[in-house]
Structures are given as C-alpha cells and as structure tokens.
C-alpha cells in the first residue's frame, strides 16, 4: 500500500466515483439508493469540503464524502459520512484510511459530530466505523424499503474530542 495516496476529490473523478458507488449499490447492503445520481445532484447533496479519494498510480480505489444532516444552523457541525471502496480493493484497510483522513479534515472544518447509518448486515462497514471511534447509538427499525422490503438501519456516531467540546 506504499503506492497509494489520499487526495481531494475533483469533479473530473465523478465517473470513477460513480462506478464505485454503483458497486456498493449492487451489494444490496450499502445504501437505500438503487441508482447513482448525476454529479450535479450528488454535488448539491454533499458538503463542498471533506471529499476525498484514495488512489494508486493506476486507479481510484475508494472515496469518502460528508453531507450536512440539516440546513438548520444549530446542526452546522454535524455531518453524515459516506465511504465506499471499489469491489476489487475491499478488505485492504482503505476504508479505515479514508475514515481517519476525513475525521481529521472534518474537525478542521468545525464538524463536531459525524454520523453514519449502516445496514445491520454490512458487517465490514460496522467494523471499520467502530475501529475509527464510532459508536452505535441506536437502531432504526424498518426505516426504509429497498426493493420492496423493509430494512433496518443502525446509527453510528463519532463525537470530536477537539471541536464542540
């Protein structure tokens, strides 16, 4: 993993980012979404900062980005995290690297709470969130439907020890 780096995501990365997102959608345990959005829709839904890709010399291997949880100013320091690793690069520790990177970057942006909703069957995502300081704060039962079936969602949160204390 010496030849990998994390850098700011660019609009020109969208084709690769969207393909990785589609691979996550195809697992059936990563998101309620069934199609990747256009870049314009994705861009509008995510913060303009704290968007990163992890890449080798030959490919983008994964990405992470933050979304605001509310437009209300009191929640300005709370963001939802999305992290996806390409199918061929899962299990290599890249998710943990991206989460650690975005945690540091988010604190520089004044974010004091990161949250993530994870399907209970997504054991890898739960494990990597726990390894980076997230804790389960609850389970939302039958919170949404995916392909006509109700799915639970486990809510994880990480509170900064630097910002918002």
C-alpha atoms as a PDB file:
ATOM      1  CA  UNK A   1       0.000   0.000   0.000  1.00  0.00           C
ATOM      2  CA  UNK A   2       3.022   2.285  -0.376  1.00  0.00           C
ATOM      3  CA  UNK A   3       1.850   3.492  -3.765  1.00  0.00           C
ATOM      4  CA  UNK A   4      -1.495   4.881  -2.561  1.00  0.00           C
ATOM      5  CA  UNK A   5      -2.435   8.407  -1.634  1.00  0.00           C
ATOM      6  CA  UNK A   6      -5.495  10.268  -0.462  1.00  0.00           C
ATOM      7  CA  UNK A   7      -6.357  13.487  -2.234  1.00  0.00           C
ATOM      8  CA  UNK A   8      -9.257  15.880  -2.626  1.00  0.00           C
ATOM      9  CA  UNK A   9     -11.974  14.568  -4.921  1.00  0.00           C
ATOM     10  CA  UNK A  10     -12.338  16.502  -8.171  1.00  0.00           C
ATOM     11  CA  UNK A  11     -15.402  16.829 -10.379  1.00  0.00           C
ATOM     12  CA  UNK A  12     -13.410  15.018 -13.062  1.00  0.00           C
ATOM     13  CA  UNK A  13     -13.261  11.958 -10.763  1.00  0.00           C
ATOM     14  CA  UNK A  14     -17.027  11.513 -10.933  1.00  0.00           C
ATOM     15  CA  UNK A  15     -17.058   8.675 -13.473  1.00  0.00           C
ATOM     16  CA  UNK A  16     -14.805   6.581 -11.204  1.00  0.00           C
ATOM     17  CA  UNK A  17     -16.577   7.650  -8.005  1.00  0.00           C
ATOM     18  CA  UNK A  18     -19.987   6.839  -9.504  1.00  0.00           C
ATOM     19  CA  UNK A  19     -18.778   3.412 -10.645  1.00  0.00           C
ATOM     20  CA  UNK A  20     -17.564   2.611  -7.121  1.00  0.00           C
ATOM     21  CA  UNK A  21     -20.903   3.844  -5.779  1.00  0.00           C
ATOM     22  CA  UNK A  22     -22.726   1.559  -8.241  1.00  0.00           C
ATOM     23  CA  UNK A  23     -20.647  -1.375  -6.982  1.00  0.00           C
ATOM     24  CA  UNK A  24     -21.778  -0.511  -3.457  1.00  0.00           C
ATOM     25  CA  UNK A  25     -25.400  -0.266  -4.575  1.00  0.00           C
ATOM     26  CA  UNK A  26     -25.093  -3.701  -6.204  1.00  0.00           C
ATOM     27  CA  UNK A  27     -24.181  -5.315  -2.863  1.00  0.00           C
ATOM     28  CA  UNK A  28     -27.663  -4.562  -1.524  1.00  0.00           C
ATOM     29  CA  UNK A  29     -26.213  -3.738   1.918  1.00  0.00           C
ATOM     30  CA  UNK A  30     -24.614  -0.329   1.408  1.00  0.00           C
ATOM     31  CA  UNK A  31     -27.401   2.149   0.690  1.00  0.00           C
ATOM     32  CA  UNK A  32     -31.110   2.564   0.094  1.00  0.00           C
ATOM     33  CA  UNK A  33     -30.259   4.150  -3.260  1.00  0.00           C
ATOM     34  CA  UNK A  34     -30.826   1.968  -6.308  1.00  0.00           C
ATOM     35  CA  UNK A  35     -29.096   4.207  -8.864  1.00  0.00           C
ATOM     36  CA  UNK A  36     -26.121   6.526  -8.751  1.00  0.00           C
ATOM     37  CA  UNK A  37     -27.168  10.174  -9.130  1.00  0.00           C
ATOM     38  CA  UNK A  38     -25.778  12.647 -11.626  1.00  0.00           C
ATOM     39  CA  UNK A  39     -22.720  14.549 -10.479  1.00  0.00           C
ATOM     40  CA  UNK A  40     -24.808  17.702 -10.189  1.00  0.00           C
ATOM     41  CA  UNK A  41     -27.299  16.062  -7.819  1.00  0.00           C
ATOM     42  CA  UNK A  42     -24.534  14.400  -5.802  1.00  0.00           C
ATOM     43  CA  UNK A  43     -22.564  17.652  -5.600  1.00  0.00           C
ATOM     44  CA  UNK A  44     -25.586  19.561  -4.326  1.00  0.00           C
ATOM     45  CA  UNK A  45     -26.271  16.957  -1.603  1.00  0.00           C
ATOM     46  CA  UNK A  46     -22.709  16.893  -0.216  1.00  0.00           C
ATOM     47  CA  UNK A  47     -20.513  19.396   1.547  1.00  0.00           C
ATOM     48  CA  UNK A  48     -18.065  21.166  -0.744  1.00  0.00           C
ATOM     49  CA  UNK A  49     -15.222  20.255   1.624  1.00  0.00           C
ATOM     50  CA  UNK A  50     -14.241  16.874   3.046  1.00  0.00           C
ATOM     51  CA  UNK A  51     -14.476  14.944  -0.220  1.00  0.00           C
ATOM     52  CA  UNK A  52     -11.574  12.597  -0.806  1.00  0.00           C
ATOM     53  CA  UNK A  53     -10.486   9.713  -2.985  1.00  0.00           C
ATOM     54  CA  UNK A  54      -7.866   7.091  -2.291  1.00  0.00           C
ATOM     55  CA  UNK A  55      -5.879   6.158  -5.363  1.00  0.00           C
ATOM     56  CA  UNK A  56      -2.965   4.111  -6.544  1.00  0.00           C
ATOM     57  CA  UNK A  57      -0.839   5.033  -9.520  1.00  0.00           C
ATOM     58  CA  UNK A  58      -3.381   3.299 -11.768  1.00  0.00           C
ATOM     59  CA  UNK A  59      -6.848   3.736 -10.253  1.00  0.00           C
ATOM     60  CA  UNK A  60      -9.210   5.410  -7.825  1.00  0.00           C
ATOM     61  CA  UNK A  61      -9.857   2.736  -5.227  1.00  0.00           C
ATOM     62  CA  UNK A  62     -12.422   4.404  -2.978  1.00  0.00           C
ATOM     63  CA  UNK A  63     -13.977   7.627  -1.809  1.00  0.00           C
ATOM     64  CA  UNK A  64     -15.436   9.394   1.208  1.00  0.00           C
ATOM     65  CA  UNK A  65     -17.633  12.483   1.463  1.00  0.00           C
ATOM     66  CA  UNK A  66     -19.783  14.300   4.003  1.00  0.00           C
ATOM     67  CA  UNK A  67     -23.369  15.500   3.761  1.00  0.00           C
ATOM     68  CA  UNK A  68     -24.967  18.044   6.070  1.00  0.00           C
ATOM     69  CA  UNK A  69     -27.639  16.433   8.259  1.00  0.00           C
ATOM     70  CA  UNK A  70     -29.766  19.583   8.370  1.00  0.00           C
ATOM     71  CA  UNK A  71     -29.956  23.076   6.940  1.00  0.00           C
ATOM     72  CA  UNK A  72     -30.604  24.466  10.437  1.00  0.00           C
ATOM     73  CA  UNK A  73     -27.591  26.422  11.677  1.00  0.00           C
ATOM     74  CA  UNK A  74     -27.505  24.642  15.059  1.00  0.00           C
ATOM     75  CA  UNK A  75     -26.588  21.426  13.225  1.00  0.00           C
ATOM     76  CA  UNK A  76     -23.831  23.063  11.179  1.00  0.00           C
ATOM     77  CA  UNK A  77     -21.205  20.916  12.897  1.00  0.00           C
ATOM     78  CA  UNK A  78     -22.977  17.614  12.268  1.00  0.00           C
ATOM     79  CA  UNK A  79     -22.397  15.652   9.079  1.00  0.00           C
ATOM     80  CA  UNK A  80     -23.291  12.257   7.669  1.00  0.00           C
ATOM     81  CA  UNK A  81     -20.478  10.208   6.249  1.00  0.00           C
ATOM     82  CA  UNK A  82     -20.447   8.125   3.059  1.00  0.00           C
ATOM     83  CA  UNK A  83     -17.491   5.848   2.379  1.00  0.00           C
ATOM     84  CA  UNK A  84     -17.194   3.370  -0.486  1.00  0.00           C
ATOM     85  CA  UNK A  85     -14.364   1.111  -1.620  1.00  0.00           C
ATOM     86  CA  UNK A  86     -14.210  -0.469  -5.067  1.00  0.00           C
ATOM     87  CA  UNK A  87     -15.107  -4.133  -5.295  1.00  0.00           C
ATOM     88  CA  UNK A  88     -11.539  -5.230  -6.105  1.00  0.00           C
ATOM     89  CA  UNK A  89      -9.994  -3.239  -3.247  1.00  0.00           C
ATOM     90  CA  UNK A  90     -12.162  -4.154  -0.278  1.00  0.00           C
ATOM     91  CA  UNK A  91     -10.531  -5.697   2.772  1.00  0.00           C
ATOM     92  CA  UNK A  92      -7.233  -3.831   2.349  1.00  0.00           C
ATOM     93  CA  UNK A  93      -7.727  -1.204   5.061  1.00  0.00           C
ATOM     94  CA  UNK A  94      -8.606   1.595   2.641  1.00  0.00           C
ATOM     95  CA  UNK A  95     -11.927   2.353   4.342  1.00  0.00           C
ATOM     96  CA  UNK A  96     -10.139   2.913   7.633  1.00  0.00           C
ATOM     97  CA  UNK A  97      -7.570   5.184   5.954  1.00  0.00           C
ATOM     98  CA  UNK A  98     -10.331   7.256   4.356  1.00  0.00           C
ATOM     99  CA  UNK A  99     -12.323   7.496   7.598  1.00  0.00           C
ATOM    100  CA  UNK A 100      -9.264   8.594   9.576  1.00  0.00           C
ATOM    101  CA  UNK A 101      -8.468  11.172   6.910  1.00  0.00           C
ATOM    102  CA  UNK A 102     -11.975  12.630   6.755  1.00  0.00           C
ATOM    103  CA  UNK A 103     -12.219  12.739  10.563  1.00  0.00           C
ATOM    104  CA  UNK A 104      -9.129  14.955  10.731  1.00  0.00           C
ATOM    105  CA  UNK A 105     -10.306  17.114   7.821  1.00  0.00           C
ATOM    106  CA  UNK A 106     -13.822  17.470   9.239  1.00  0.00           C
ATOM    107  CA  UNK A 107     -12.512  18.719  12.569  1.00  0.00           C
ATOM    108  CA  UNK A 108     -10.536  21.406  10.723  1.00  0.00           C
ATOM    109  CA  UNK A 109     -13.875  22.412   9.146  1.00  0.00           C
ATOM    110  CA  UNK A 110     -15.567  22.680  12.560  1.00  0.00           C
ATOM    111  CA  UNK A 111     -17.512  19.420  12.414  1.00  0.00           C
ATOM    112  CA  UNK A 112     -18.026  18.025  15.911  1.00  0.00           C
ATOM    113  CA  UNK A 113     -20.232  15.037  15.118  1.00  0.00           C
ATOM    114  CA  UNK A 114     -20.035  12.534  12.304  1.00  0.00           C
ATOM    115  CA  UNK A 115     -22.870  10.082  11.889  1.00  0.00           C
ATOM    116  CA  UNK A 116     -23.430   7.088   9.687  1.00  0.00           C
ATOM    117  CA  UNK A 117     -26.472   4.923   9.035  1.00  0.00           C
ATOM    118  CA  UNK A 118     -25.397   1.358   8.297  1.00  0.00           C
ATOM    119  CA  UNK A 119     -27.417  -1.719   7.375  1.00  0.00           C
ATOM    120  CA  UNK A 120     -27.053  -4.305  10.185  1.00  0.00           C
ATOM    121  CA  UNK A 121     -25.887  -6.853   7.600  1.00  0.00           C
ATOM    122  CA  UNK A 122     -22.971  -4.650   6.483  1.00  0.00           C
ATOM    123  CA  UNK A 123     -20.525  -6.166   8.962  1.00  0.00           C
ATOM    124  CA  UNK A 124     -17.418  -4.730   7.260  1.00  0.00           C
ATOM    125  CA  UNK A 125     -18.736  -1.176   7.457  1.00  0.00           C
ATOM    126  CA  UNK A 126     -19.722  -1.602  11.096  1.00  0.00           C
ATOM    127  CA  UNK A 127     -16.265  -2.968  11.915  1.00  0.00           C
ATOM    128  CA  UNK A 128     -14.378  -0.123  10.218  1.00  0.00           C
ATOM    129  CA  UNK A 129     -16.568   2.530  11.834  1.00  0.00           C
ATOM    130  CA  UNK A 130     -16.003   1.012  15.269  1.00  0.00           C
ATOM    131  CA  UNK A 131     -12.244   0.852  14.581  1.00  0.00           C
ATOM    132  CA  UNK A 132     -12.201   4.604  13.927  1.00  0.00           C
ATOM    133  CA  UNK A 133     -14.028   5.670  17.069  1.00  0.00           C
ATOM    134  CA  UNK A 134     -17.678   5.486  16.034  1.00  0.00           C
ATOM    135  CA  UNK A 135     -20.154   4.011  18.497  1.00  0.00           C
ATOM    136  CA  UNK A 136     -23.584   2.582  17.875  1.00  0.00           C
ATOM    137  CA  UNK A 137     -26.220   4.885  19.323  1.00  0.00           C
ATOM    138  CA  UNK A 138     -29.336   3.102  18.138  1.00  0.00           C
ATOM    139  CA  UNK A 139     -31.216   1.044  15.637  1.00  0.00           C
ATOM    140  CA  UNK A 140     -33.953   2.400  13.423  1.00  0.00           C
ATOM    141  CA  UNK A 141     -36.253  -0.488  12.646  1.00  0.00           C
ATOM    142  CA  UNK A 142     -37.917  -0.735   9.261  1.00  0.00           C
ATOM    143  CA  UNK A 143     -36.724   2.793   8.440  1.00  0.00           C
ATOM    144  CA  UNK A 144     -36.849   2.357   4.678  1.00  0.00           C
ATOM    145  CA  UNK A 145     -37.663  -0.030   1.879  1.00  0.00           C
ATOM    146  CA  UNK A 146     -35.147  -1.499  -0.512  1.00  0.00           C
ATOM    147  CA  UNK A 147     -36.539  -3.473  -3.437  1.00  0.00           C
ATOM    148  CA  UNK A 148     -39.910  -3.631  -1.665  1.00  0.00           C
ATOM    149  CA  UNK A 149     -38.567  -4.996   1.630  1.00  0.00           C
ATOM    150  CA  UNK A 150     -38.275  -3.114   4.915  1.00  0.00           C
ATOM    151  CA  UNK A 151     -34.687  -2.652   6.100  1.00  0.00           C
ATOM    152  CA  UNK A 152     -33.341  -1.648   9.499  1.00  0.00           C
ATOM    153  CA  UNK A 153     -30.550   0.885   9.884  1.00  0.00           C
ATOM    154  CA  UNK A 154     -28.020   1.080  12.694  1.00  0.00           C
ATOM    155  CA  UNK A 155     -26.979   4.627  13.604  1.00  0.00           C
ATOM    156  CA  UNK A 156     -23.330   5.241  14.455  1.00  0.00           C
ATOM    157  CA  UNK A 157     -21.827   8.476  15.743  1.00  0.00           C
ATOM    158  CA  UNK A 158     -18.363   9.844  16.397  1.00  0.00           C
ATOM    159  CA  UNK A 159     -18.000  12.911  18.581  1.00  0.00           C
ATOM    160  CA  UNK A 160     -14.865  15.008  18.215  1.00  0.00           C
ATOM    161  CA  UNK A 161     -12.599  15.414  21.199  1.00  0.00           C
ATOM    162  CA  UNK A 162     -11.258  18.642  19.668  1.00  0.00           C
ATOM    163  CA  UNK A 163     -14.269  20.516  18.217  1.00  0.00           C
ATOM    164  CA  UNK A 164     -17.541  21.300  20.021  1.00  0.00           C
ATOM    165  CA  UNK A 165     -16.316  20.430  23.484  1.00  0.00           C
END
